Amino acid sequence: MQYVYILRSLDDPDRYYVGRPGNLKARLASHNAAQVIHTAKFAPWALKTYLGFDDEAQARAFEKYLKTASGRAFAKKRL
């Protein structure tokens, strides 16, 4: 199972991060431990939502979509 997740910063609620981890719980812990350069200064993070995919290509494509302007709008309205 492949996951795509959206995190929301607890210190800056308008700040979101989209990713695709191998292990969702371990990746969230590394974000909150400030071990990820791109998210360290906005920690702590909370899991807003995540979706599971059977196909890695679909997960990768959905993650890429969520990082576009229309994908961010979709996530804000629907997720």
Protein backbone atom coordinates (compact mmCIF):
# COMPACT_ATOMS: atom_id res chain seq x y z
CA MET A 1 0.00 0.00 0.00
CA GLN A 2 1.28 3.45 -0.96
CA TYR A 3 0.11 6.52 0.95
CA VAL A 4 -0.12 10.20 0.08
CA TYR A 5 -0.45 12.46 3.09
CA ILE A 6 -1.17 16.09 3.87
CA LEU A 7 0.27 17.64 7.01
CA ARG A 8 -0.79 20.92 8.61
CA SER A 9 1.54 22.96 10.78
CA LEU A 10 0.20 23.50 14.29
CA ASP A 11 2.17 26.77 14.66
CA ASP A 12 1.16 28.13 11.23
CA PRO A 13 -2.24 26.58 10.33
CA ASP A 14 -2.10 27.99 6.79
CA ARG A 15 1.07 25.95 6.08
CA TYR A 16 0.61 22.49 4.54
CA TYR A 17 3.00 19.80 3.34
CA VAL A 18 2.26 16.97 0.90
CA GLY A 19 4.32 13.80 0.76
CA ARG A 20 4.41 10.09 -0.03
CA PRO A 21 6.18 8.07 2.67
CA GLY A 22 7.24 4.47 2.91
CA ASN A 23 6.12 4.34 6.55
CA LEU A 24 3.52 6.97 7.44
CA LYS A 25 3.93 6.92 11.24
CA ALA A 26 7.73 7.04 11.08
CA ARG A 27 7.67 9.87 8.55
CA LEU A 28 5.30 11.96 10.69
CA ALA A 29 7.59 11.41 13.66
CA SER A 30 10.61 12.57 11.63
CA HIS A 31 8.72 15.72 10.57
CA ASN A 32 7.88 16.49 14.20
CA ALA A 33 11.45 15.78 15.33
CA ALA A 34 12.65 18.46 12.86
CA GLN A 35 14.67 15.89 10.89
CA VAL A 36 13.23 17.02 7.55
CA ILE A 37 14.83 20.25 6.30
CA HIS A 38 11.75 21.43 4.36
CA THR A 39 9.42 21.17 7.34
CA ALA A 40 11.65 21.73 10.38
CA LYS A 41 10.90 25.41 10.94
CA PHE A 42 7.12 24.88 10.86
CA ALA A 43 7.02 21.93 13.30
CA PRO A 44 5.05 20.52 15.00
CA TRP A 45 2.85 18.98 12.34
CA ALA A 46 -0.51 17.20 12.50
CA LEU A 47 -1.80 14.71 9.98
CA LYS A 48 -4.65 16.41 8.11
CA THR A 49 -5.49 13.50 5.81
CA TYR A 50 -3.99 10.55 4.01
CA LEU A 51 -5.08 8.33 1.16
CA GLY A 52 -3.98 4.79 0.33
CA PHE A 53 -3.26 3.51 -3.18
CA ASP A 54 -2.61 -0.03 -4.40
CA ASP A 55 -0.58 1.28 -7.32
CA GLU A 56 2.65 3.25 -6.75
CA ALA A 57 2.28 5.13 -10.04
CA GLN A 58 -1.18 6.37 -9.03
CA ALA A 59 0.13 7.50 -5.64
CA ARG A 60 3.03 9.33 -7.26
CA ALA A 61 0.69 11.01 -9.77
CA PHE A 62 -1.75 12.09 -7.05
CA GLU A 63 1.07 13.51 -4.93
CA LYS A 64 2.32 15.45 -7.96
CA TYR A 65 -1.23 16.73 -8.60
CA LEU A 66 -1.67 17.89 -4.98
CA LYS A 67 1.48 19.99 -5.36
CA THR A 68 -0.06 22.00 -8.23
CA ALA A 69 -2.30 25.05 -7.81
CA SER A 70 -5.43 23.15 -8.81
CA GLY A 71 -4.44 20.25 -6.55
CA ARG A 72 -4.02 22.60 -3.58
CA ALA A 73 -7.45 24.08 -4.30
CA PHE A 74 -8.94 20.58 -4.51
CA ALA A 75 -7.33 19.55 -1.22
CA LYS A 76 -8.48 22.71 0.53
CA LYS A 77 -12.08 22.21 -0.61
CA ARG A 78 -12.41 18.40 -0.50
CA LEU A 79 -9.83 16.92 1.86
